[in-house]
C-alpha atoms as a PDB file:
ATOM      1  CA  MET A   1      17.989 -21.530 -14.917  1.00  0.00           C
ATOM      2  CA  ASN A   2      19.648 -24.309 -13.116  1.00  0.00           C
ATOM      3  CA  PRO A   3      22.196 -27.363 -13.682  1.00  0.00           C
ATOM      4  CA  THR A   4      20.117 -29.543 -16.075  1.00  0.00           C
ATOM      5  CA  GLU A   5      18.984 -26.983 -17.969  1.00  0.00           C
ATOM      6  CA  LEU A   6      22.098 -24.308 -17.988  1.00  0.00           C
ATOM      7  CA  THR A   7      24.306 -27.165 -19.511  1.00  0.00           C
ATOM      8  CA  ARG A   8      21.102 -27.509 -22.508  1.00  0.00           C
ATOM      9  CA  HIS A   9      20.389 -24.560 -23.317  1.00  0.00           C
ATOM     10  CA  GLY A  10      23.697 -21.871 -21.216  1.00  0.00           C
ATOM     11  CA  SER A  11      26.027 -20.112 -23.531  1.00  0.00           C
ATOM     12  CA  PHE A  12      29.951 -21.180 -23.096  1.00  0.00           C
ATOM     13  CA  ILE A  13      30.152 -18.411 -20.594  1.00  0.00           C
ATOM     14  CA  GLU A  14      27.482 -19.937 -18.618  1.00  0.00           C
ATOM     15  CA  ARG A  15      28.981 -23.136 -19.147  1.00  0.00           C
ATOM     16  CA  PHE A  16      32.228 -22.899 -18.220  1.00  0.00           C
ATOM     17  CA  ALA A  17      30.886 -20.774 -15.078  1.00  0.00           C
ATOM     18  CA  ALA A  18      29.209 -24.028 -13.700  1.00  0.00           C
ATOM     19  CA  HIS A  19      31.603 -26.863 -14.979  1.00  0.00           C
ATOM     20  CA  ALA A  20      35.468 -24.872 -14.185  1.00  0.00           C
ATOM     21  CA  GLY A  21      35.714 -26.855 -11.475  1.00  0.00           C
ATOM     22  CA  GLN A  22      34.566 -30.271 -11.973  1.00  0.00           C
ATOM     23  CA  LEU A  23      37.607 -29.746 -15.422  1.00  0.00           C
ATOM     24  CA  THR A  24      40.877 -31.491 -15.730  1.00  0.00           C
ATOM     25  CA  ARG A  25      43.937 -29.489 -15.670  1.00  0.00           C
ATOM     26  CA  SER A  26      44.120 -29.885 -19.539  1.00  0.00           C
ATOM     27  CA  GLU A  27      40.560 -29.187 -19.824  1.00  0.00           C
ATOM     28  CA  LEU A  28      40.297 -26.320 -18.397  1.00  0.00           C
ATOM     29  CA  ARG A  29      43.459 -24.634 -20.915  1.00  0.00           C
ATOM     30  CA  VAL A  30      41.414 -25.276 -23.568  1.00  0.00           C
ATOM     31  CA  ALA A  31      38.085 -24.126 -21.899  1.00  0.00           C
ATOM     32  CA  GLN A  32      39.474 -20.605 -20.577  1.00  0.00           C
ATOM     33  CA  TYR A  33      41.187 -19.831 -24.392  1.00  0.00           C
ATOM     34  CA  ILE A  34      37.705 -20.806 -26.655  1.00  0.00           C
ATOM     35  CA  ARG A  35      36.388 -18.522 -23.851  1.00  0.00           C
ATOM     36  CA  ARG A  36      38.892 -15.815 -23.879  1.00  0.00           C
ATOM     37  CA  HIS A  37      38.986 -16.054 -27.913  1.00  0.00           C
ATOM     38  CA  PRO A  38      35.791 -17.268 -29.139  1.00  0.00           C
ATOM     39  CA  GLU A  39      36.193 -15.571 -32.443  1.00  0.00           C
ATOM     40  CA  ARG A  40      39.228 -18.211 -33.064  1.00  0.00           C
ATOM     41  CA  ALA A  41      37.506 -20.858 -31.286  1.00  0.00           C
ATOM     42  CA  VAL A  42      34.346 -20.936 -33.948  1.00  0.00           C
ATOM     43  CA  VAL A  43      36.055 -21.778 -36.776  1.00  0.00           C
ATOM     44  CA  ALA A  44      38.742 -23.934 -35.383  1.00  0.00           C
ATOM     45  CA  SER A  45      38.436 -27.619 -35.604  1.00  0.00           C
ATOM     46  CA  ALA A  46      38.861 -29.642 -32.877  1.00  0.00           C
ATOM     47  CA  ALA A  47      42.785 -30.417 -34.063  1.00  0.00           C
ATOM     48  CA  ALA A  48      43.338 -27.466 -34.582  1.00  0.00           C
ATOM     49  CA  LEU A  49      42.083 -26.464 -30.917  1.00  0.00           C
ATOM     50  CA  GLY A  50      44.461 -28.642 -30.125  1.00  0.00           C
ATOM     51  CA  ARG A  51      47.723 -27.144 -31.302  1.00  0.00           C
ATOM     52  CA  MET A  52      46.165 -23.371 -30.461  1.00  0.00           C
ATOM     53  CA  THR A  53      45.691 -25.176 -26.769  1.00  0.00           C
ATOM     54  CA  SER A  54      49.243 -27.272 -27.055  1.00  0.00           C
ATOM     55  CA  THR A  55      46.911 -30.239 -26.176  1.00  0.00           C
ATOM     56  CA  SER A  56      45.131 -32.586 -28.532  1.00  0.00           C
ATOM     57  CA  ASP A  57      42.428 -33.121 -30.243  1.00  0.00           C
ATOM     58  CA  ALA A  58      41.107 -35.583 -27.949  1.00  0.00           C
ATOM     59  CA  THR A  59      41.065 -33.396 -24.812  1.00  0.00           C
ATOM     60  CA  VAL A  60      39.296 -30.959 -27.472  1.00  0.00           C
ATOM     61  CA  LEU A  61      36.461 -32.963 -27.270  1.00  0.00           C
ATOM     62  CA  ARG A  62      35.880 -34.153 -23.583  1.00  0.00           C
ATOM     63  CA  THR A  63      35.753 -30.513 -22.739  1.00  0.00           C
ATOM     64  CA  VAL A  64      32.639 -29.853 -24.925  1.00  0.00           C
ATOM     65  CA  LYS A  65      31.244 -32.789 -24.158  1.00  0.00           C
ATOM     66  CA  ALA A  66      32.768 -31.729 -20.023  1.00  0.00           C
ATOM     67  CA  LEU A  67      30.720 -28.243 -21.000  1.00  0.00           C
ATOM     68  CA  GLY A  68      27.462 -30.158 -22.052  1.00  0.00           C
ATOM     69  CA  TYR A  69      27.595 -29.920 -25.986  1.00  0.00           C
ATOM     70  CA  GLN A  70      26.828 -32.959 -27.804  1.00  0.00           C
ATOM     71  CA  GLY A  71      30.143 -32.017 -29.985  1.00  0.00           C
ATOM     72  CA  LEU A  72      31.736 -29.765 -31.673  1.00  0.00           C
ATOM     73  CA  ARG A  73      29.133 -27.933 -34.447  1.00  0.00           C
ATOM     74  CA  GLU A  74      27.114 -27.590 -31.264  1.00  0.00           C
ATOM     75  CA  MET A  75      29.320 -25.211 -29.788  1.00  0.00           C
ATOM     76  CA  HIS A  76      30.308 -23.536 -32.617  1.00  0.00           C
ATOM     77  CA  ALA A  77      27.261 -22.725 -33.068  1.00  0.00           C
ATOM     78  CA  SER A  78      26.873 -21.487 -29.185  1.00  0.00           C
ATOM     79  CA  LEU A  79      29.718 -19.384 -30.033  1.00  0.00           C
ATOM     80  CA  VAL A  80      28.386 -17.723 -33.279  1.00  0.00           C
ATOM     81  CA  ASP A  81      24.868 -16.256 -31.096  1.00  0.00           C
ATOM     82  CA  GLN A  82      27.313 -15.111 -28.464  1.00  0.00           C
ATOM     83  CA  LEU A  83      29.421 -13.745 -30.905  1.00  0.00           C
ATOM     84  CA  ARG A  84      26.296 -12.215 -32.566  1.00  0.00           C
ATOM     85  CA  ARG A  85      25.279 -11.050 -28.421  1.00  0.00           C
ATOM     86  CA  ARG A  86      28.042  -9.388 -28.190  1.00  0.00           C
ATOM     87  CA  GLN A  87      27.918  -7.232 -31.908  1.00  0.00           C
ATOM     88  CA  ASP A  88      24.531  -6.424 -31.401  1.00  0.00           C
ATOM     89  CA  LEU A  89      24.237  -3.515 -29.073  1.00  0.00           C
ATOM     90  CA  THR A  90      19.974  -3.752 -28.478  1.00  0.00           C
ATOM     91  CA  THR A  91      20.778  -6.521 -26.789  1.00  0.00           C
ATOM     92  CA  GLN A  92      23.341  -6.746 -24.919  1.00  0.00           C
ATOM     93  CA  LEU A  93      22.490  -4.716 -21.928  1.00  0.00           C
ATOM     94  CA  ALA A  94      19.658  -6.250 -21.912  1.00  0.00           C
ATOM     95  CA  ALA A  95      21.666  -9.760 -21.506  1.00  0.00           C
ATOM     96  CA  ARG A  96      23.294  -7.838 -19.073  1.00  0.00           C
ATOM     97  CA  VAL A  97      20.632  -7.094 -16.501  1.00  0.00           C
ATOM     98  CA  GLU A  98      19.188 -10.695 -17.504  1.00  0.00           C
ATOM     99  CA  ALA A  99      22.192 -12.378 -16.094  1.00  0.00           C
ATOM    100  CA  VAL A 100      21.988  -9.597 -13.183  1.00  0.00           C
ATOM    101  CA  ALA A 101      18.359  -9.813 -12.050  1.00  0.00           C
ATOM    102  CA  PRO A 102      18.758 -13.553 -10.825  1.00  0.00           C
ATOM    103  CA  ALA A 103      21.297 -13.212  -8.616  1.00  0.00           C
ATOM    104  CA  THR A 104      21.386 -13.927  -5.073  1.00  0.00           C
ATOM    105  CA  THR A 105      24.095 -10.747  -4.338  1.00  0.00           C
ATOM    106  CA  SER A 106      23.097  -6.849  -5.313  1.00  0.00           C
ATOM    107  CA  VAL A 107      23.610  -5.501  -8.823  1.00  0.00           C
ATOM    108  CA  PHE A 108      27.286  -3.538  -7.651  1.00  0.00           C
ATOM    109  CA  GLU A 109      28.334  -6.420  -5.874  1.00  0.00           C
ATOM    110  CA  ARG A 110      28.288  -8.309  -9.694  1.00  0.00           C
ATOM    111  CA  VAL A 111      29.464  -5.368 -11.411  1.00  0.00           C
ATOM    112  CA  ARG A 112      32.381  -5.428  -9.188  1.00  0.00           C
ATOM    113  CA  ARG A 113      33.102  -8.554  -9.518  1.00  0.00           C
ATOM    114  CA  ASP A 114      33.052  -8.808 -13.229  1.00  0.00           C
ATOM    115  CA  SER A 115      34.945  -5.928 -13.932  1.00  0.00           C
ATOM    116  CA  ILE A 116      37.437  -7.936 -10.730  1.00  0.00           C
ATOM    117  CA  ALA A 117      37.563 -11.086 -13.571  1.00  0.00           C
ATOM    118  CA  THR A 118      38.086  -8.262 -16.860  1.00  0.00           C
ATOM    119  CA  LEU A 119      40.821  -6.964 -15.289  1.00  0.00           C
ATOM    120  CA  ARG A 120      42.489 -10.354 -14.070  1.00  0.00           C
ATOM    121  CA  GLU A 121      42.103 -11.582 -17.806  1.00  0.00           C
ATOM    122  CA  LEU A 122      43.441  -7.974 -19.273  1.00  0.00           C
ATOM    123  CA  SER A 123      46.265  -8.672 -17.205  1.00  0.00           C
ATOM    124  CA  ALA A 124      46.767 -13.007 -18.133  1.00  0.00           C
ATOM    125  CA  ARG A 125      46.634 -12.371 -22.283  1.00  0.00           C
ATOM    126  CA  LEU A 126      48.058  -8.989 -22.854  1.00  0.00           C
ATOM    127  CA  PRO A 127      52.011 -10.435 -23.632  1.00  0.00           C
ATOM    128  CA  ASP A 128      54.812  -7.904 -21.530  1.00  0.00           C
ATOM    129  CA  ASP A 129      56.291  -7.261 -24.850  1.00  0.00           C
ATOM    130  CA  ARG A 130      53.382  -5.477 -27.418  1.00  0.00           C
ATOM    131  CA  TRP A 131      52.913  -3.876 -23.767  1.00  0.00           C
ATOM    132  CA  ALA A 132      56.129  -2.769 -24.050  1.00  0.00           C
ATOM    133  CA  GLU A 133      55.837  -1.881 -27.643  1.00  0.00           C
ATOM    134  CA  CYS A 134      52.741   0.247 -27.907  1.00  0.00           C
ATOM    135  CA  VAL A 135      54.688   1.830 -24.931  1.00  0.00           C
ATOM    136  CA  GLN A 136      57.159   2.647 -26.645  1.00  0.00           C
ATOM    137  CA  ALA A 137      55.473   4.147 -29.756  1.00  0.00           C
ATOM    138  CA  VAL A 138      53.410   6.181 -27.548  1.00  0.00           C
ATOM    139  CA  ASP A 139      56.414   7.549 -25.928  1.00  0.00           C
ATOM    140  CA  ALA A 140      58.375   8.165 -29.152  1.00  0.00           C
ATOM    141  CA  ALA A 141      55.956   9.924 -31.401  1.00  0.00           C
ATOM    142  CA  ASP A 142      55.697  13.479 -32.169  1.00  0.00           C
ATOM    143  CA  GLY A 143      51.972  13.709 -31.447  1.00  0.00           C
ATOM    144  CA  ILE A 144      49.822  11.366 -30.632  1.00  0.00           C
ATOM    145  CA  LEU A 145      45.116  10.997 -32.180  1.00  0.00           C
ATOM    146  CA  CYS A 146      43.597   9.330 -30.112  1.00  0.00           C
ATOM    147  CA  PHE A 147      40.222   8.513 -31.824  1.00  0.00           C
ATOM    148  CA  GLY A 148      36.887   6.240 -30.701  1.00  0.00           C
ATOM    149  CA  LEU A 149      33.338   6.582 -31.350  1.00  0.00           C
ATOM    150  CA  GLY A 150      30.853   6.454 -28.968  1.00  0.00           C
ATOM    151  CA  PRO A 151      31.613   5.505 -25.568  1.00  0.00           C
ATOM    152  CA  ALA A 152      34.927   3.952 -26.786  1.00  0.00           C
ATOM    153  CA  GLY A 153      35.407   8.058 -28.318  1.00  0.00           C
ATOM    154  CA  THR A 154      35.404   9.155 -23.871  1.00  0.00           C
ATOM    155  CA  VAL A 155      37.820   7.217 -23.941  1.00  0.00           C
ATOM    156  CA  ALA A 156      40.013   8.318 -26.180  1.00  0.00           C
ATOM    157  CA  GLU A 157      39.844  11.717 -25.114  1.00  0.00           C
ATOM    158  CA  HIS A 158      40.283  10.805 -21.249  1.00  0.00           C
ATOM    159  CA  LEU A 159      43.869   9.477 -22.933  1.00  0.00           C
ATOM    160  CA  ALA A 160      44.615  13.046 -25.118  1.00  0.00           C
ATOM    161  CA  ILE A 161      44.160  15.399 -21.429  1.00  0.00           C
ATOM    162  CA  ALA A 162      45.907  12.550 -19.586  1.00  0.00           C
ATOM    163  CA  LEU A 163      49.101  13.115 -22.254  1.00  0.00           C
ATOM    164  CA  THR A 164      49.133  16.197 -23.021  1.00  0.00           C
ATOM    165  CA  ARG A 165      49.098  16.978 -19.565  1.00  0.00           C
ATOM    166  CA  LEU A 166      52.596  15.690 -18.724  1.00  0.00           C
ATOM    167  CA  GLY A 167      53.420  18.060 -22.090  1.00  0.00           C
ATOM    168  CA  MET A 168      53.410  16.338 -24.729  1.00  0.00           C
ATOM    169  CA  THR A 169      51.223  16.830 -27.844  1.00  0.00           C
ATOM    170  CA  ALA A 170      47.581  14.980 -27.934  1.00  0.00           C
ATOM    171  CA  VAL A 171      44.457  15.003 -29.702  1.00  0.00           C
ATOM    172  CA  ALA A 172      41.058  13.814 -29.750  1.00  0.00           C
ATOM    173  CA  THR A 173      38.694  13.024 -32.157  1.00  0.00           C
ATOM    174  CA  ALA A 174      35.229  11.176 -31.840  1.00  0.00           C
ATOM    175  CA  ASN A 175      33.609  12.633 -35.193  1.00  0.00           C
ATOM    176  CA  SER A 176      32.406   9.972 -37.854  1.00  0.00           C
ATOM    177  CA  GLY A 177      31.691  10.486 -40.841  1.00  0.00           C
ATOM    178  CA  ILE A 178      32.960  13.956 -42.983  1.00  0.00           C
ATOM    179  CA  ARG A 179      34.147  15.307 -39.900  1.00  0.00           C
ATOM    180  CA  LEU A 180      36.799  12.995 -38.650  1.00  0.00           C
ATOM    181  CA  ALA A 181      38.514  14.046 -42.331  1.00  0.00           C
ATOM    182  CA  ASP A 182      39.409  17.376 -40.949  1.00  0.00           C
ATOM    183  CA  ARG A 183      41.360  15.279 -38.231  1.00  0.00           C
ATOM    184  CA  LEU A 184      42.553  12.859 -40.366  1.00  0.00           C
ATOM    185  CA  ALA A 185      43.728  15.187 -42.603  1.00  0.00           C
ATOM    186  CA  THR A 186      46.103  16.317 -39.265  1.00  0.00           C
ATOM    187  CA  LEU A 187      47.855  12.926 -39.120  1.00  0.00           C
ATOM    188  CA  ALA A 188      51.756  12.694 -40.242  1.00  0.00           C
ATOM    189  CA  SER A 189      54.847  10.869 -40.392  1.00  0.00           C
ATOM    190  CA  GLY A 190      56.537  10.563 -36.443  1.00  0.00           C
ATOM    191  CA  TRP A 191      52.580  10.198 -35.004  1.00  0.00           C
ATOM    192  CA  ALA A 192      50.777   7.587 -33.030  1.00  0.00           C
ATOM    193  CA  LEU A 193      46.717   6.844 -33.696  1.00  0.00           C
ATOM    194  CA  VAL A 194      45.505   5.238 -30.946  1.00  0.00           C
ATOM    195  CA  VAL A 195      42.725   3.811 -31.518  1.00  0.00           C
ATOM    196  CA  PHE A 196      39.498   2.337 -29.354  1.00  0.00           C
ATOM    197  CA  ALA A 197      37.297  -0.069 -31.506  1.00  0.00           C
ATOM    198  CA  PRO A 198      36.079  -2.509 -29.097  1.00  0.00           C
ATOM    199  CA  LEU A 199      33.503  -4.033 -31.003  1.00  0.00           C
ATOM    200  CA  ARG A 200      32.719  -2.806 -34.109  1.00  0.00           C
ATOM    201  CA  MET A 201      34.452  -2.308 -37.596  1.00  0.00           C
ATOM    202  CA  PHE A 202      32.798   0.896 -38.244  1.00  0.00           C
ATOM    203  CA  ARG A 203      34.353   2.771 -41.746  1.00  0.00           C
ATOM    204  CA  GLU A 204      35.529   5.319 -39.850  1.00  0.00           C
ATOM    205  CA  ILE A 205      38.517   2.480 -38.499  1.00  0.00           C
ATOM    206  CA  GLY A 206      39.921   1.521 -41.470  1.00  0.00           C
ATOM    207  CA  VAL A 207      39.721   5.111 -43.133  1.00  0.00           C
ATOM    208  CA  ALA A 208      41.821   6.180 -39.399  1.00  0.00           C
ATOM    209  CA  LEU A 209      44.051   3.133 -39.795  1.00  0.00           C
ATOM    210  CA  ASP A 210      45.205   3.165 -43.924  1.00  0.00           C
ATOM    211  CA  ARG A 211      45.955   6.828 -43.598  1.00  0.00           C
ATOM    212  CA  ALA A 212      48.430   6.716 -40.816  1.00  0.00           C
ATOM    213  CA  ARG A 213      49.866   3.921 -42.740  1.00  0.00           C
ATOM    214  CA  ASP A 214      49.313   5.971 -45.989  1.00  0.00           C
ATOM    215  CA  VAL A 215      51.596   9.420 -43.987  1.00  0.00           C
ATOM    216  CA  GLY A 216      54.123   6.743 -41.946  1.00  0.00           C
ATOM    217  CA  ALA A 217      52.392   7.295 -38.362  1.00  0.00           C
ATOM    218  CA  THR A 218      51.823   4.057 -35.806  1.00  0.00           C
ATOM    219  CA  SER A 219      49.256   2.687 -35.056  1.00  0.00           C
ATOM    220  CA  VAL A 220      47.791   0.985 -32.284  1.00  0.00           C
ATOM    221  CA  VAL A 221      44.585  -0.120 -31.903  1.00  0.00           C
ATOM    222  CA  ILE A 222      42.883  -1.700 -28.821  1.00  0.00           C
ATOM    223  CA  THR A 223      39.911  -3.826 -29.230  1.00  0.00           C
ATOM    224  CA  GLU A 224      37.748  -6.632 -27.642  1.00  0.00           C
ATOM    225  CA  ALA A 225      36.391  -8.152 -31.074  1.00  0.00           C
ATOM    226  CA  LEU A 226      38.344  -6.786 -34.286  1.00  0.00           C
ATOM    227  CA  ALA A 227      41.828  -8.137 -33.816  1.00  0.00           C
ATOM    228  CA  ARG A 228      41.503 -10.217 -36.863  1.00  0.00           C
ATOM    229  CA  GLU A 229      39.562  -7.243 -39.339  1.00  0.00           C
ATOM    230  CA  VAL A 230      42.137  -4.948 -37.720  1.00  0.00           C
ATOM    231  CA  ARG A 231      45.808  -7.287 -37.347  1.00  0.00           C
ATOM    232  CA  ASN A 232      46.809  -6.759 -40.502  1.00  0.00           C
ATOM    233  CA  ARG A 233      46.005  -2.615 -41.337  1.00  0.00           C
ATOM    234  CA  ALA A 234      47.244  -1.903 -37.312  1.00  0.00           C
ATOM    235  CA  ASP A 235      50.884  -2.054 -36.163  1.00  0.00           C
ATOM    236  CA  ILE A 236      49.982  -2.931 -32.587  1.00  0.00           C
ATOM    237  CA  VAL A 237      46.875  -4.462 -31.615  1.00  0.00           C
ATOM    238  CA  LEU A 238      45.907  -5.219 -27.723  1.00  0.00           C
ATOM    239  CA  THR A 239      43.200  -7.049 -27.964  1.00  0.00           C
ATOM    240  CA  THR A 240      41.137  -6.751 -24.212  1.00  0.00           C
ATOM    241  CA  PRO A 241      38.401  -9.910 -23.021  1.00  0.00           C
ATOM    242  CA  PRO A 242      34.822 -10.126 -23.731  1.00  0.00           C
ATOM    243  CA  SER A 243      32.433  -7.454 -22.042  1.00  0.00           C
ATOM    244  CA  GLY A 244      29.504  -8.928 -23.456  1.00  0.00           C
ATOM    245  CA  GLU A 245      28.428 -11.150 -21.366  1.00  0.00           C
ATOM    246  CA  GLY A 246      29.019  -9.682 -18.053  1.00  0.00           C
ATOM    247  CA  ALA A 247      28.163  -6.880 -15.988  1.00  0.00           C
ATOM    248  CA  ALA A 248      31.084  -5.199 -16.384  1.00  0.00           C
ATOM    249  CA  SER A 249      31.800  -2.194 -19.257  1.00  0.00           C
ATOM    250  CA  GLU A 250      33.304  -2.412 -21.931  1.00  0.00           C
ATOM    251  CA  THR A 251      35.032   0.615 -21.647  1.00  0.00           C
ATOM    252  CA  LEU A 252      36.715  -0.490 -18.053  1.00  0.00           C
ATOM    253  CA  ALA A 253      39.750  -2.511 -19.934  1.00  0.00           C
ATOM    254  CA  PRO A 254      40.166   0.434 -22.201  1.00  0.00           C
ATOM    255  CA  LEU A 255      40.265   3.004 -19.721  1.00  0.00           C
ATOM    256  CA  VAL A 256      42.668   0.919 -17.766  1.00  0.00           C
ATOM    257  CA  LEU A 257      45.129   0.507 -20.109  1.00  0.00           C
ATOM    258  CA  ALA A 258      44.511   4.399 -21.164  1.00  0.00           C
ATOM    259  CA  GLN A 259      45.553   4.886 -17.473  1.00  0.00           C
ATOM    260  CA  ALA A 260      48.419   2.527 -17.442  1.00  0.00           C
ATOM    261  CA  LEU A 261      49.850   3.611 -20.822  1.00  0.00           C
ATOM    262  CA  THR A 262      49.591   7.309 -19.216  1.00  0.00           C
ATOM    263  CA  MET A 263      51.803   6.327 -16.188  1.00  0.00           C
ATOM    264  CA  GLU A 264      53.653   5.141 -18.222  1.00  0.00           C
ATOM    265  CA  ILE A 265      54.840   7.511 -20.263  1.00  0.00           C
ATOM    266  CA  ALA A 266      55.080   9.661 -17.128  1.00  0.00           C
ATOM    267  CA  ALA A 267      57.422   7.969 -15.350  1.00  0.00           C
ATOM    268  CA  LEU A 268      59.836   7.497 -19.093  1.00  0.00           C
ATOM    269  CA  ARG A 269      59.293  11.516 -18.997  1.00  0.00           C
ATOM    270  CA  SER A 270      59.404  12.249 -14.842  1.00  0.00           C
ATOM    271  CA  GLU A 271      61.126  15.621 -15.592  1.00  0.00           C
ATOM    272  CA  GLN A 272      59.468  17.250 -18.495  1.00  0.00           C
ATOM    273  CA  ALA A 273      55.610  16.325 -16.901  1.00  0.00           C
ATOM    274  CA  ALA A 274      57.063  17.919 -13.516  1.00  0.00           C
ATOM    275  CA  GLN A 275      57.652  20.998 -15.336  1.00  0.00           C
ATOM    276  CA  HIS A 276      54.548  20.794 -17.201  1.00  0.00           C
ATOM    277  CA  ALA A 277      52.919  19.783 -13.808  1.00  0.00           C
ATOM    278  CA  LEU A 278      54.272  23.492 -12.651  1.00  0.00           C
ATOM    279  CA  LEU A 279      53.132  25.331 -15.885  1.00  0.00           C
ATOM    280  CA  LEU A 280      49.194  24.014 -15.533  1.00  0.00           C
ATOM    281  CA  GLU A 281      49.468  25.014 -11.727  1.00  0.00           C
ATOM    282  CA  ARG A 282      50.274  28.641 -12.534  1.00  0.00           C
ATOM    283  CA  LEU A 283      47.515  29.026 -14.968  1.00  0.00           C
ATOM    284  CA  ARG A 284      45.175  27.192 -12.779  1.00  0.00           C
ATOM    285  CA  SER A 285      45.990  30.108 -10.085  1.00  0.00           C
ATOM    286  CA  GLY A 286      45.623  33.467 -12.039  1.00  0.00           C
ATOM    287  CA  ILE A 287      42.255  31.592 -13.490  1.00  0.00           C
ATOM    288  CA  THR A 288      40.939  31.106 -10.141  1.00  0.00           C
ATOM    289  CA  GLY A 289      42.867  34.635  -9.475  1.00  0.00           C
ATOM    290  CA  THR A 290      44.340  33.043  -6.190  1.00  0.00           C
ATOM    291  CA  ALA A 291      47.791  33.784  -8.342  1.00  0.00           C
ATOM    292  CA  THR A 292      50.384  34.806  -6.294  1.00  0.00           C
ATOM    293  CA  ALA A 293      51.105  38.255  -6.904  1.00  0.00           C
ATOM    294  CA  ARG A 294      54.849  38.325  -8.530  1.00  0.00           C
END
């Protein structure tokens, strides 16, 4: 797609990439905000976006024009399409392949670059106080239930295994439907529920969050697109960068947060973690037949 076609027909992310270097500092602030929060920008007026970005409605409208839109309405329509594509799993892979195919660099290089960009944006959009609140909630919990559906289920399992290896009580489930009820029934006061829910608000997510609130468990949601839907149902919400338009995996940011959370807890529980590591080593040696006779 040449620059003229990009200006007329490109997605917001494509236009941002093409024109970011020509934007003023204030315009760049507006554009970056819209890129990070399309779900907010899609329903915001120019005045509201000005308040959100500490600029002005005039700056917002200049930014919209600089990105090649005829006006705010056209940008809103573009964002609606972007959000719809992000939610539609049948088109997401096709969009990623289409984005990568024309590139002059290798697919690996595109995935690497997009992954680095995702992690940089993750750092920029994760408030230190909210992250500290998440760490404190998990560290203080009597037990942790990690929950995710689809690919997010593998991240939930990774976190549960990692926390268990620190000597904590942690379990994971990727069950859906009525099979989830058995696991949710074990959730109790003093526990923490960690939900990985990148894109879709499945019924199970709402039921899990309501169960946590009913029993007095702390709930943490790590999500890309559901902050608005869960903010009144979860105690802590961590928002990850959009993944649908690039080549980075939707599980990249959640997996990094899971690893960071594990390392934070390990630092807080260093003695317990060391003792549990010794226990694991003895058990593994016994299983493999390499244990020293005593």
